[in-house]
Amino acid sequence: MNTPPYPVLYSFRRCPYAMRARMALLVSGTVCELREVKLADKPQAMIDASPKATVPVLVLGDGQVLDESLDIMLWALGNHDPEKWLEGDPASLIETNDGAFKYHLDRYKYATRYDTDPIEHRTAAVRILLNLEERLSHNINLLRDERSLSDIAILPFIRQFAEADRAHFDSLPLPRLQSWVKCHIQSPLFCGAMVRLAPWQPGQAPVMLGSEHAH
């Protein structure tokens, strides 16, 4: 089997885990082949690389596979961290986001699937967001004025919560957090990570992420 010249990222544009992986790869300057996945028809090559078959999956040139979004972020930033995202980032913020907040977000947004009371879980999620609002009273971003790993790891999930009911999110007493979300989703980094692609097909010309060669 021929080893690809660049890492290969299997991704899904709207998946928050894949979003944060793409942003870390971009900011680190990591050039990789981007393969958009159709979740209803996952490519066999991705399943072969990672049998759990969830995005994102990063296949490195040496055959190593990273199939957790935070591992991909840390790998990319460990190679090159020009904005010093890794400095002073408490794991607790991301742990709360990936744990309690994601739990309530899913049961709010997908209440029918989980057979839950969406308002109960929305209220619990807002309690977590109020802690972030308080943090933003001290700095422009969650830990400092400049963006860091915590901001980018958490952003896609806060965005997903906001989009579940935009009018409700905008009505919440979270002016700093609302501004923070707006600022980040309008940034060149986020826009660059959200390029629209057709689902990848074997044999097609590579589409590169993080390169002047991007199609």
N, C-alpha and C. Protein backbone atom coordinates (compact mmCIF):
# COMPACT_ATOMS: atom_id res chain seq x y z
N MET A 1 0.85 -1.19 0.00
CA MET A 1 0.00 0.00 0.00
C MET A 1 0.88 1.24 0.00
N ASN A 2 0.60 2.18 -0.90
CA ASN A 2 1.37 3.40 -0.98
C ASN A 2 1.01 4.32 0.19
N THR A 3 2.05 4.87 0.82
CA THR A 3 1.82 5.80 1.92
C THR A 3 1.53 7.17 1.34
N PRO A 4 0.46 7.81 1.74
CA PRO A 4 0.17 9.14 1.19
C PRO A 4 1.25 10.14 1.61
N PRO A 5 1.53 11.13 0.76
CA PRO A 5 2.59 12.09 1.08
C PRO A 5 2.23 13.02 2.23
N TYR A 6 0.96 13.21 2.48
CA TYR A 6 0.50 14.07 3.57
C TYR A 6 -0.43 13.27 4.47
N PRO A 7 -0.58 13.72 5.73
CA PRO A 7 -1.63 13.11 6.56
C PRO A 7 -2.99 13.24 5.87
N VAL A 8 -3.86 12.31 6.15
CA VAL A 8 -5.21 12.31 5.57
C VAL A 8 -6.21 12.49 6.71
N LEU A 9 -7.06 13.52 6.59
CA LEU A 9 -8.08 13.78 7.60
C LEU A 9 -9.45 13.43 7.05
N TYR A 10 -10.09 12.46 7.68
CA TYR A 10 -11.50 12.17 7.40
C TYR A 10 -12.33 13.06 8.32
N SER A 11 -13.23 13.82 7.72
CA SER A 11 -13.92 14.86 8.47
C SER A 11 -15.36 14.96 8.01
N PHE A 12 -16.16 15.64 8.81
CA PHE A 12 -17.53 15.97 8.44
C PHE A 12 -17.72 17.42 8.82
N ARG A 13 -18.08 18.24 7.87
CA ARG A 13 -18.05 19.69 8.04
C ARG A 13 -18.77 20.16 9.29
N ARG A 14 -19.93 19.62 9.59
CA ARG A 14 -20.74 20.15 10.68
C ARG A 14 -20.52 19.46 12.02
N CYS A 15 -19.65 18.49 12.07
CA CYS A 15 -19.35 17.82 13.35
C CYS A 15 -18.46 18.72 14.21
N PRO A 16 -18.89 19.05 15.43
CA PRO A 16 -18.08 19.95 16.26
C PRO A 16 -16.71 19.38 16.61
N TYR A 17 -16.61 18.07 16.75
CA TYR A 17 -15.29 17.47 17.02
C TYR A 17 -14.37 17.66 15.82
N ALA A 18 -14.91 17.45 14.62
CA ALA A 18 -14.11 17.63 13.41
C ALA A 18 -13.76 19.10 13.20
N MET A 19 -14.68 20.00 13.54
CA MET A 19 -14.39 21.43 13.40
C MET A 19 -13.15 21.82 14.19
N ARG A 20 -13.10 21.41 15.46
CA ARG A 20 -11.97 21.84 16.28
C ARG A 20 -10.67 21.20 15.84
N ALA A 21 -10.74 20.00 15.32
CA ALA A 21 -9.54 19.37 14.78
C ALA A 21 -9.04 20.14 13.56
N ARG A 22 -9.95 20.52 12.67
CA ARG A 22 -9.56 21.26 11.47
C ARG A 22 -8.93 22.60 11.83
N MET A 23 -9.50 23.28 12.81
CA MET A 23 -8.94 24.59 13.20
C MET A 23 -7.55 24.45 13.78
N ALA A 24 -7.31 23.41 14.57
CA ALA A 24 -5.97 23.21 15.12
C ALA A 24 -4.98 22.86 14.02
N LEU A 25 -5.39 22.04 13.08
CA LEU A 25 -4.51 21.71 11.95
C LEU A 25 -4.18 22.96 11.15
N LEU A 26 -5.18 23.80 10.93
CA LEU A 26 -4.95 25.03 10.17
C LEU A 26 -4.00 25.97 10.90
N VAL A 27 -4.26 26.22 12.17
CA VAL A 27 -3.43 27.21 12.88
C VAL A 27 -2.00 26.71 13.05
N SER A 28 -1.83 25.40 13.09
CA SER A 28 -0.48 24.84 13.23
C SER A 28 0.28 24.80 11.92
N GLY A 29 -0.43 25.09 10.83
CA GLY A 29 0.22 25.04 9.52
C GLY A 29 0.39 23.63 8.98
N THR A 30 -0.34 22.68 9.53
CA THR A 30 -0.24 21.30 9.07
C THR A 30 -0.99 21.13 7.75
N VAL A 31 -0.28 20.71 6.74
CA VAL A 31 -0.91 20.45 5.45
C VAL A 31 -1.38 19.00 5.43
N CYS A 32 -2.64 18.79 5.12
CA CYS A 32 -3.15 17.42 5.06
C CYS A 32 -4.23 17.34 3.98
N GLU A 33 -4.47 16.12 3.55
CA GLU A 33 -5.55 15.88 2.60
C GLU A 33 -6.86 15.82 3.37
N LEU A 34 -7.83 16.60 2.93
CA LEU A 34 -9.12 16.65 3.61
C LEU A 34 -10.14 15.81 2.84
N ARG A 35 -10.69 14.82 3.51
CA ARG A 35 -11.69 13.95 2.90
C ARG A 35 -13.01 14.12 3.64
N GLU A 36 -13.96 14.77 2.99
CA GLU A 36 -15.28 14.97 3.58
C GLU A 36 -16.05 13.65 3.55
N VAL A 37 -16.65 13.31 4.68
CA VAL A 37 -17.33 12.03 4.83
C VAL A 37 -18.84 12.24 4.83
N LYS A 38 -19.54 11.40 4.11
CA LYS A 38 -20.99 11.33 4.22
C LYS A 38 -21.31 10.30 5.29
N LEU A 39 -21.91 10.75 6.39
CA LEU A 39 -22.08 9.87 7.54
C LEU A 39 -22.95 8.66 7.25
N ALA A 40 -23.86 8.79 6.29
CA ALA A 40 -24.72 7.67 5.94
C ALA A 40 -24.04 6.68 5.00
N ASP A 41 -22.85 7.04 4.53
CA ASP A 41 -22.13 6.17 3.59
C ASP A 41 -20.64 6.37 3.82
N LYS A 42 -20.17 5.92 4.97
CA LYS A 42 -18.78 6.17 5.37
C LYS A 42 -17.81 5.37 4.48
N PRO A 43 -16.72 6.00 4.06
CA PRO A 43 -15.79 5.29 3.18
C PRO A 43 -15.09 4.14 3.90
N GLN A 44 -14.90 3.06 3.18
CA GLN A 44 -14.26 1.88 3.76
C GLN A 44 -12.86 2.20 4.24
N ALA A 45 -12.18 3.10 3.55
CA ALA A 45 -10.80 3.46 3.94
C ALA A 45 -10.77 4.06 5.34
N MET A 46 -11.78 4.83 5.70
CA MET A 46 -11.84 5.40 7.04
C MET A 46 -12.13 4.31 8.07
N ILE A 47 -13.05 3.41 7.74
CA ILE A 47 -13.40 2.32 8.66
C ILE A 47 -12.20 1.40 8.87
N ASP A 48 -11.45 1.16 7.81
CA ASP A 48 -10.25 0.33 7.93
C ASP A 48 -9.23 0.99 8.86
N ALA A 49 -9.12 2.31 8.77
CA ALA A 49 -8.15 3.02 9.60
C ALA A 49 -8.60 3.08 11.05
N SER A 50 -9.91 3.29 11.26
CA SER A 50 -10.45 3.42 12.61
C SER A 50 -11.79 2.71 12.66
N PRO A 51 -11.82 1.48 13.15
CA PRO A 51 -13.05 0.69 13.15
C PRO A 51 -14.22 1.32 13.89
N LYS A 52 -13.97 2.25 14.82
CA LYS A 52 -15.11 2.89 15.49
C LYS A 52 -15.86 3.81 14.54
N ALA A 53 -15.19 4.22 13.44
CA ALA A 53 -15.86 4.88 12.31
C ALA A 53 -16.57 6.17 12.68
N THR A 54 -15.94 6.97 13.54
CA THR A 54 -16.48 8.30 13.85
C THR A 54 -15.43 9.34 13.47
N VAL A 55 -15.90 10.47 12.93
CA VAL A 55 -14.99 11.55 12.58
C VAL A 55 -14.69 12.40 13.82
N PRO A 56 -13.50 13.03 13.82
CA PRO A 56 -12.46 13.01 12.79
C PRO A 56 -11.52 11.82 12.97
N VAL A 57 -10.88 11.45 11.85
CA VAL A 57 -9.83 10.45 11.86
C VAL A 57 -8.66 11.03 11.07
N LEU A 58 -7.48 11.05 11.68
CA LEU A 58 -6.28 11.54 11.00
C LEU A 58 -5.32 10.36 10.83
N VAL A 59 -5.02 10.06 9.58
CA VAL A 59 -4.07 8.99 9.26
C VAL A 59 -2.75 9.65 8.89
N LEU A 60 -1.72 9.41 9.69
CA LEU A 60 -0.42 10.02 9.45
C LEU A 60 0.34 9.26 8.38
N GLY A 61 1.38 9.90 7.87
CA GLY A 61 2.17 9.30 6.80
C GLY A 61 2.81 7.99 7.17
N ASP A 62 3.09 7.80 8.49
CA ASP A 62 3.72 6.55 8.92
C ASP A 62 2.69 5.47 9.24
N GLY A 63 1.42 5.77 8.98
CA GLY A 63 0.36 4.80 9.25
C GLY A 63 -0.29 4.94 10.61
N GLN A 64 0.29 5.76 11.49
CA GLN A 64 -0.33 5.98 12.79
C GLN A 64 -1.69 6.65 12.59
N VAL A 65 -2.64 6.28 13.44
CA VAL A 65 -4.00 6.81 13.33
C VAL A 65 -4.38 7.52 14.63
N LEU A 66 -4.87 8.74 14.48
CA LEU A 66 -5.42 9.50 15.61
C LEU A 66 -6.91 9.66 15.34
N ASP A 67 -7.75 9.12 16.23
CA ASP A 67 -9.19 9.19 15.99
C ASP A 67 -9.96 9.81 17.14
N GLU A 68 -9.26 10.66 17.91
CA GLU A 68 -9.92 11.51 18.91
C GLU A 68 -9.55 12.95 18.58
N SER A 69 -10.54 13.83 18.58
CA SER A 69 -10.28 15.19 18.12
C SER A 69 -9.23 15.91 18.97
N LEU A 70 -9.26 15.72 20.28
CA LEU A 70 -8.27 16.39 21.12
C LEU A 70 -6.87 15.85 20.85
N ASP A 71 -6.76 14.57 20.57
CA ASP A 71 -5.45 14.00 20.23
C ASP A 71 -4.92 14.62 18.95
N ILE A 72 -5.81 14.84 17.99
CA ILE A 72 -5.40 15.48 16.73
C ILE A 72 -4.94 16.91 17.01
N MET A 73 -5.69 17.64 17.82
CA MET A 73 -5.31 19.02 18.15
C MET A 73 -3.96 19.07 18.84
N LEU A 74 -3.77 18.20 19.81
CA LEU A 74 -2.51 18.20 20.57
C LEU A 74 -1.34 17.76 19.70
N TRP A 75 -1.57 16.82 18.80
CA TRP A 75 -0.52 16.39 17.89
C TRP A 75 -0.10 17.54 16.99
N ALA A 76 -1.07 18.22 16.40
CA ALA A 76 -0.77 19.32 15.48
C ALA A 76 -0.04 20.45 16.21
N LEU A 77 -0.55 20.83 17.37
CA LEU A 77 0.06 21.92 18.13
C LEU A 77 1.39 21.52 18.74
N GLY A 78 1.56 20.23 19.01
CA GLY A 78 2.85 19.76 19.49
C GLY A 78 3.93 19.89 18.44
N ASN A 79 3.54 19.83 17.19
CA ASN A 79 4.49 20.02 16.09
C ASN A 79 4.78 21.49 15.83
N HIS A 80 3.75 22.33 15.94
CA HIS A 80 3.93 23.76 15.70
C HIS A 80 2.77 24.50 16.34
N ASP A 81 3.10 25.41 17.25
CA ASP A 81 2.07 26.12 18.02
C ASP A 81 2.35 27.63 17.97
N PRO A 82 2.16 28.24 16.80
CA PRO A 82 2.56 29.64 16.62
C PRO A 82 1.82 30.63 17.50
N GLU A 83 0.59 30.30 17.91
CA GLU A 83 -0.17 31.22 18.77
C GLU A 83 -0.12 30.80 20.24
N LYS A 84 0.73 29.80 20.54
CA LYS A 84 0.92 29.34 21.92
C LYS A 84 -0.41 28.94 22.58
N TRP A 85 -1.19 28.16 21.83
CA TRP A 85 -2.47 27.68 22.35
C TRP A 85 -2.29 26.77 23.57
N LEU A 86 -1.17 26.08 23.63
CA LEU A 86 -0.99 25.08 24.68
C LEU A 86 -0.53 25.67 26.00
N GLU A 87 -0.23 26.97 26.01
CA GLU A 87 0.28 27.57 27.24
C GLU A 87 -0.85 27.89 28.21
N GLY A 88 -0.78 27.32 29.39
CA GLY A 88 -1.70 27.67 30.46
C GLY A 88 -3.13 27.25 30.28
N ASP A 89 -3.39 26.21 29.51
CA ASP A 89 -4.76 25.78 29.28
C ASP A 89 -5.19 24.75 30.33
N PRO A 90 -6.11 25.12 31.22
CA PRO A 90 -6.58 24.11 32.19
C PRO A 90 -7.49 23.11 31.50
N ALA A 91 -7.22 21.85 31.73
CA ALA A 91 -8.03 20.81 31.10
C ALA A 91 -9.47 20.85 31.58
N SER A 92 -9.71 21.46 32.74
CA SER A 92 -11.06 21.41 33.32
C SER A 92 -12.11 22.04 32.43
N LEU A 93 -11.78 23.11 31.73
CA LEU A 93 -12.76 23.76 30.85
C LEU A 93 -13.21 22.82 29.75
N ILE A 94 -12.25 22.17 29.12
CA ILE A 94 -12.58 21.26 28.03
C ILE A 94 -13.28 20.01 28.57
N GLU A 95 -12.86 19.55 29.72
CA GLU A 95 -13.51 18.38 30.32
C GLU A 95 -14.98 18.66 30.62
N THR A 96 -15.27 19.84 31.14
CA THR A 96 -16.66 20.20 31.41
C THR A 96 -17.46 20.29 30.12
N ASN A 97 -16.85 20.88 29.10
CA ASN A 97 -17.52 20.99 27.81
C ASN A 97 -17.81 19.61 27.23
N ASP A 98 -16.79 18.77 27.18
CA ASP A 98 -16.93 17.46 26.54
C ASP A 98 -17.76 16.50 27.38
N GLY A 99 -17.88 16.79 28.66
CA GLY A 99 -18.65 15.93 29.55
C GLY A 99 -20.04 16.46 29.79
N ALA A 100 -20.19 17.28 30.83
CA ALA A 100 -21.52 17.73 31.26
C ALA A 100 -22.22 18.56 30.19
N PHE A 101 -21.51 19.50 29.56
CA PHE A 101 -22.19 20.36 28.59
C PHE A 101 -22.66 19.56 27.38
N LYS A 102 -21.79 18.69 26.86
CA LYS A 102 -22.18 17.88 25.70
C LYS A 102 -23.37 16.97 26.06
N TYR A 103 -23.38 16.44 27.26
CA TYR A 103 -24.48 15.59 27.71
C TYR A 103 -25.80 16.36 27.63
N HIS A 104 -25.83 17.57 28.18
CA HIS A 104 -27.06 18.35 28.17
C HIS A 104 -27.38 18.88 26.78
N LEU A 105 -26.38 19.25 26.02
CA LEU A 105 -26.59 19.73 24.66
C LEU A 105 -27.30 18.67 23.81
N ASP A 106 -26.82 17.45 23.86
CA ASP A 106 -27.44 16.38 23.07
C ASP A 106 -28.89 16.17 23.47
N ARG A 107 -29.17 16.21 24.76
CA ARG A 107 -30.52 15.91 25.24
C ARG A 107 -31.45 17.11 25.10
N TYR A 108 -30.89 18.27 24.83
CA TYR A 108 -31.68 19.44 24.47
C TYR A 108 -31.95 19.45 22.96
N LYS A 109 -30.90 19.30 22.17
CA LYS A 109 -31.05 19.39 20.72
C LYS A 109 -31.76 18.17 20.13
N TYR A 110 -31.49 17.00 20.70
CA TYR A 110 -32.05 15.75 20.17
C TYR A 110 -32.97 15.10 21.20
N ALA A 111 -33.89 15.90 21.75
CA ALA A 111 -34.74 15.42 22.84
C ALA A 111 -35.59 14.23 22.42
N THR A 112 -36.05 14.22 21.19
CA THR A 112 -36.88 13.10 20.73
C THR A 112 -36.07 11.81 20.70
N ARG A 113 -34.85 11.90 20.21
CA ARG A 113 -33.98 10.72 20.15
C ARG A 113 -33.70 10.16 21.54
N TYR A 114 -33.46 11.07 22.49
CA TYR A 114 -33.08 10.63 23.84
C TYR A 114 -34.30 10.48 24.76
N ASP A 115 -35.49 10.90 24.28
CA ASP A 115 -36.71 10.86 25.09
C ASP A 115 -36.50 11.64 26.39
N THR A 116 -36.10 12.90 26.24
CA THR A 116 -35.80 13.75 27.39
C THR A 116 -36.61 15.04 27.33
N ASP A 117 -36.59 15.77 28.42
CA ASP A 117 -37.23 17.08 28.50
C ASP A 117 -36.21 18.11 28.03
N PRO A 118 -36.40 18.70 26.85
CA PRO A 118 -35.36 19.61 26.32
C PRO A 118 -35.15 20.85 27.18
N ILE A 119 -36.21 21.36 27.80
CA ILE A 119 -36.06 22.58 28.61
C ILE A 119 -35.21 22.31 29.84
N GLU A 120 -35.42 21.15 30.44
CA GLU A 120 -34.60 20.78 31.61
C GLU A 120 -33.12 20.77 31.24
N HIS A 121 -32.79 20.18 30.10
CA HIS A 121 -31.38 20.08 29.72
C HIS A 121 -30.85 21.40 29.18
N ARG A 122 -31.70 22.17 28.55
CA ARG A 122 -31.27 23.51 28.11
C ARG A 122 -30.91 24.36 29.33
N THR A 123 -31.72 24.28 30.37
CA THR A 123 -31.47 25.05 31.58
C THR A 123 -30.15 24.64 32.23
N ALA A 124 -29.90 23.34 32.26
CA ALA A 124 -28.64 22.85 32.83
C ALA A 124 -27.45 23.32 32.01
N ALA A 125 -27.59 23.32 30.70
CA ALA A 125 -26.50 23.79 29.83
C ALA A 125 -26.23 25.27 30.05
N VAL A 126 -27.29 26.06 30.22
CA VAL A 126 -27.11 27.49 30.44
C VAL A 126 -26.35 27.77 31.73
N ARG A 127 -26.56 26.95 32.73
CA ARG A 127 -25.80 27.13 33.98
C ARG A 127 -24.30 27.03 33.72
N ILE A 128 -23.92 26.13 32.84
CA ILE A 128 -22.50 25.99 32.49
C ILE A 128 -22.05 27.20 31.69
N LEU A 129 -22.90 27.68 30.78
CA LEU A 129 -22.54 28.85 29.98
C LEU A 129 -22.37 30.10 30.83
N LEU A 130 -23.12 30.20 31.92
CA LEU A 130 -22.96 31.35 32.81
C LEU A 130 -21.56 31.40 33.41
N ASN A 131 -20.96 30.24 33.64
CA ASN A 131 -19.58 30.22 34.14
C ASN A 131 -18.62 30.77 33.09
N LEU A 132 -18.87 30.45 31.82
CA LEU A 132 -18.03 30.99 30.75
C LEU A 132 -18.23 32.49 30.62
N GLU A 133 -19.47 32.95 30.77
CA GLU A 133 -19.75 34.38 30.72
C GLU A 133 -18.94 35.12 31.79
N GLU A 134 -18.88 34.54 32.98
CA GLU A 134 -18.12 35.18 34.06
C GLU A 134 -16.63 35.23 33.71
N ARG A 135 -16.12 34.16 33.12
CA ARG A 135 -14.71 34.14 32.71
C ARG A 135 -14.41 35.26 31.71
N LEU A 136 -15.35 35.50 30.83
CA LEU A 136 -15.13 36.50 29.78
C LEU A 136 -15.21 37.93 30.32
N SER A 137 -15.53 38.09 31.58
CA SER A 137 -15.49 39.42 32.19
C SER A 137 -14.06 39.83 32.52
N HIS A 138 -13.14 38.87 32.45
CA HIS A 138 -11.74 39.15 32.79
C HIS A 138 -10.86 39.29 31.57
N ASN A 139 -11.19 38.58 30.48
CA ASN A 139 -10.36 38.58 29.28
C ASN A 139 -11.27 38.55 28.06
N ILE A 140 -10.71 38.86 26.91
CA ILE A 140 -11.47 38.79 25.66
C ILE A 140 -11.85 37.35 25.35
N ASN A 141 -10.94 36.43 25.66
CA ASN A 141 -11.20 35.01 25.48
C ASN A 141 -11.24 34.32 26.83
N LEU A 142 -11.41 33.01 26.83
CA LEU A 142 -11.72 32.31 28.09
C LEU A 142 -10.57 32.31 29.09
N LEU A 143 -9.33 32.33 28.61
CA LEU A 143 -8.20 32.28 29.52
C LEU A 143 -7.32 33.52 29.47
N ARG A 144 -7.38 34.21 28.35
CA ARG A 144 -6.52 35.37 28.13
C ARG A 144 -7.15 36.16 26.99
N ASP A 145 -6.54 37.26 26.62
CA ASP A 145 -7.10 38.03 25.52
C ASP A 145 -6.96 37.31 24.18
N GLU A 146 -5.83 36.60 23.98
CA GLU A 146 -5.64 35.86 22.75
C GLU A 146 -6.35 34.51 22.83
N ARG A 147 -6.78 34.00 21.69
CA ARG A 147 -7.44 32.70 21.66
C ARG A 147 -6.44 31.61 22.05
N SER A 148 -6.97 30.52 22.58
CA SER A 148 -6.13 29.41 23.00
C SER A 148 -6.86 28.10 22.73
N LEU A 149 -6.25 27.01 23.15
CA LEU A 149 -6.83 25.68 22.92
C LEU A 149 -8.24 25.58 23.47
N SER A 150 -8.46 26.10 24.68
CA SER A 150 -9.79 25.99 25.28
C SER A 150 -10.85 26.67 24.43
N ASP A 151 -10.56 27.86 23.94
CA ASP A 151 -11.54 28.57 23.12
C ASP A 151 -11.96 27.75 21.90
N ILE A 152 -10.97 27.24 21.19
CA ILE A 152 -11.26 26.55 19.93
C ILE A 152 -11.85 25.16 20.18
N ALA A 153 -11.46 24.51 21.27
CA ALA A 153 -12.02 23.19 21.58
C ALA A 153 -13.49 23.29 21.97
N ILE A 154 -13.87 24.41 22.59
CA ILE A 154 -15.22 24.57 23.12
C ILE A 154 -16.15 25.24 22.11
N LEU A 155 -15.62 26.14 21.32
CA LEU A 155 -16.43 26.95 20.41
C LEU A 155 -17.46 26.17 19.59
N PRO A 156 -17.10 25.07 18.91
CA PRO A 156 -18.08 24.42 18.05
C PRO A 156 -19.32 23.92 18.80
N PHE A 157 -19.15 23.60 20.07
CA PHE A 157 -20.28 23.08 20.86
C PHE A 157 -21.18 24.23 21.32
N ILE A 158 -20.57 25.37 21.67
CA ILE A 158 -21.38 26.53 22.04
C ILE A 158 -22.15 27.02 20.80
N ARG A 159 -21.50 26.99 19.66
CA ARG A 159 -22.17 27.37 18.41
C ARG A 159 -23.35 26.44 18.14
N GLN A 160 -23.16 25.15 18.37
CA GLN A 160 -24.24 24.19 18.14
C GLN A 160 -25.41 24.46 19.08
N PHE A 161 -25.11 24.78 20.32
CA PHE A 161 -26.17 25.12 21.27
C PHE A 161 -26.91 26.37 20.80
N ALA A 162 -26.17 27.38 20.37
CA ALA A 162 -26.79 28.62 19.91
C ALA A 162 -27.69 28.38 18.71
N GLU A 163 -27.25 27.54 17.78
CA GLU A 163 -28.01 27.32 16.56
C GLU A 163 -29.24 26.45 16.79
N ALA A 164 -29.29 25.74 17.90
CA ALA A 164 -30.47 24.91 18.19
C ALA A 164 -31.72 25.78 18.35
N ASP A 165 -31.54 26.98 18.91
CA ASP A 165 -32.64 27.94 19.04
C ASP A 165 -31.99 29.31 19.15
N ARG A 166 -31.70 29.90 18.01
CA ARG A 166 -30.93 31.14 17.99
C ARG A 166 -31.63 32.25 18.76
N ALA A 167 -32.95 32.37 18.62
CA ALA A 167 -33.67 33.44 19.32
C ALA A 167 -33.53 33.28 20.84
N HIS A 168 -33.61 32.05 21.31
CA HIS A 168 -33.45 31.83 22.75
C HIS A 168 -32.04 32.16 23.19
N PHE A 169 -31.04 31.71 22.45
CA PHE A 169 -29.65 31.99 22.82
C PHE A 169 -29.41 33.50 22.87
N ASP A 170 -29.93 34.21 21.88
CA ASP A 170 -29.71 35.65 21.83
C ASP A 170 -30.41 36.37 22.97
N SER A 171 -31.43 35.73 23.55
CA SER A 171 -32.19 36.37 24.64
C SER A 171 -31.56 36.14 26.01
N LEU A 172 -30.58 35.26 26.08
CA LEU A 172 -29.97 34.92 27.37
C LEU A 172 -29.08 36.06 27.88
N PRO A 173 -28.91 36.14 29.21
CA PRO A 173 -28.04 37.18 29.78
C PRO A 173 -26.57 36.80 29.65
N LEU A 174 -26.14 36.64 28.41
CA LEU A 174 -24.77 36.19 28.11
C LEU A 174 -24.14 37.10 27.06
N PRO A 175 -24.10 38.41 27.29
CA PRO A 175 -23.62 39.30 26.23
C PRO A 175 -22.17 39.05 25.83
N ARG A 176 -21.34 38.74 26.78
CA ARG A 176 -19.93 38.51 26.45
C ARG A 176 -19.76 37.21 25.66
N LEU A 177 -20.47 36.18 26.08
CA LEU A 177 -20.38 34.90 25.38
C LEU A 177 -20.97 35.00 23.97
N GLN A 178 -22.06 35.72 23.84
CA GLN A 178 -22.66 35.91 22.52
C GLN A 178 -21.69 36.64 21.59
N SER A 179 -21.01 37.64 22.12
CA SER A 179 -20.02 38.38 21.33
C SER A 179 -18.83 37.49 20.99
N TRP A 180 -18.43 36.67 21.95
CA TRP A 180 -17.30 35.75 21.76
C TRP A 180 -17.60 34.76 20.63
N VAL A 181 -18.81 34.19 20.64
CA VAL A 181 -19.19 33.26 19.57
C VAL A 181 -19.17 33.97 18.23
N LYS A 182 -19.78 35.14 18.15
CA LYS A 182 -19.85 35.88 16.89
C LYS A 182 -18.46 36.19 16.36
N CYS A 183 -17.58 36.64 17.24
CA CYS A 183 -16.22 36.98 16.83
C CYS A 183 -15.50 35.78 16.25
N HIS A 184 -15.62 34.63 16.91
CA HIS A 184 -14.89 33.45 16.46
C HIS A 184 -15.45 32.88 15.16
N ILE A 185 -16.76 32.87 15.02
CA ILE A 185 -17.32 32.27 13.80
C ILE A 185 -17.15 33.17 12.58
N GLN A 186 -16.79 34.43 12.82
CA GLN A 186 -16.49 35.33 11.71
C GLN A 186 -14.99 35.39 11.40
N SER A 187 -14.19 34.66 12.18
CA SER A 187 -12.74 34.74 12.01
C SER A 187 -12.29 33.99 10.76
N PRO A 188 -11.17 34.41 10.16
CA PRO A 188 -10.63 33.68 9.01
C PRO A 188 -10.33 32.21 9.34
N LEU A 189 -9.93 31.94 10.57
CA LEU A 189 -9.62 30.56 10.95
C LEU A 189 -10.86 29.69 10.86
N PHE A 190 -11.96 30.14 11.46
CA PHE A 190 -13.19 29.36 11.42
C PHE A 190 -13.71 29.22 10.00
N CYS A 191 -13.70 30.33 9.27
CA CYS A 191 -14.20 30.29 7.89
C CYS A 191 -13.35 29.34 7.04
N GLY A 192 -12.04 29.34 7.27
CA GLY A 192 -11.16 28.43 6.52
C GLY A 192 -11.40 26.98 6.85
N ALA A 193 -11.84 26.72 8.09
CA ALA A 193 -12.11 25.34 8.52
C ALA A 193 -13.47 24.85 8.05
N MET A 194 -14.32 25.77 7.59
CA MET A 194 -15.69 25.40 7.24
C MET A 194 -15.92 25.36 5.73
N VAL A 195 -14.87 25.15 4.97
CA VAL A 195 -15.00 25.03 3.52
C VAL A 195 -15.96 23.89 3.18
N ARG A 196 -16.81 24.12 2.18
CA ARG A 196 -17.78 23.10 1.77
C ARG A 196 -17.17 22.21 0.70
N LEU A 197 -17.27 20.91 0.91
CA LEU A 197 -16.74 19.94 -0.05
C LEU A 197 -17.78 18.87 -0.32
N ALA A 198 -17.74 18.33 -1.52
CA ALA A 198 -18.54 17.14 -1.81
C ALA A 198 -17.92 15.95 -1.09
N PRO A 199 -18.71 14.93 -0.77
CA PRO A 199 -18.14 13.74 -0.13
C PRO A 199 -17.01 13.16 -0.96
N TRP A 200 -15.97 12.73 -0.26
CA TRP A 200 -14.79 12.16 -0.91
C TRP A 200 -15.12 10.83 -1.59
N GLN A 201 -14.52 10.65 -2.74
CA GLN A 201 -14.64 9.40 -3.48
C GLN A 201 -13.24 8.85 -3.76
N PRO A 202 -13.02 7.55 -3.60
CA PRO A 202 -11.70 6.98 -3.89
C PRO A 202 -11.27 7.32 -5.32
N GLY A 203 -10.02 7.70 -5.44
CA GLY A 203 -9.47 7.99 -6.76
C GLY A 203 -9.57 9.44 -7.19
N GLN A 204 -10.29 10.26 -6.41
CA GLN A 204 -10.42 11.65 -6.82
C GLN A 204 -9.13 12.42 -6.51
N ALA A 205 -8.96 13.57 -7.15
CA ALA A 205 -7.80 14.42 -6.89
C ALA A 205 -7.85 14.89 -5.44
N PRO A 206 -6.71 14.88 -4.74
CA PRO A 206 -6.70 15.31 -3.34
C PRO A 206 -7.12 16.77 -3.18
N VAL A 207 -7.85 17.04 -2.12
CA VAL A 207 -8.17 18.41 -1.70
C VAL A 207 -7.39 18.66 -0.42
N MET A 208 -6.57 19.70 -0.43
CA MET A 208 -5.66 19.92 0.68
C MET A 208 -6.21 20.97 1.64
N LEU A 209 -6.04 20.71 2.93
CA LEU A 209 -6.37 21.66 3.98
C LEU A 209 -5.08 22.31 4.46
N GLY A 210 -5.09 23.63 4.58
CA GLY A 210 -3.95 24.30 5.15
C GLY A 210 -2.79 24.48 4.19
N SER A 211 -3.09 24.75 2.95
CA SER A 211 -2.04 24.91 1.96
C SER A 211 -2.49 25.84 0.86
N GLU A 212 -1.54 26.52 0.25
CA GLU A 212 -1.87 27.34 -0.92
C GLU A 212 -2.31 26.45 -2.07
N HIS A 213 -2.13 25.12 -1.90
CA HIS A 213 -2.55 24.19 -2.95
C HIS A 213 -4.00 23.78 -2.79
N ALA A 214 -4.70 24.32 -1.80
CA ALA A 214 -6.09 23.93 -1.57
C ALA A 214 -6.91 24.24 -2.81
N HIS A 215 -7.81 23.33 -3.14
CA HIS A 215 -8.65 23.49 -4.33
C HIS A 215 -9.91 24.26 -3.98
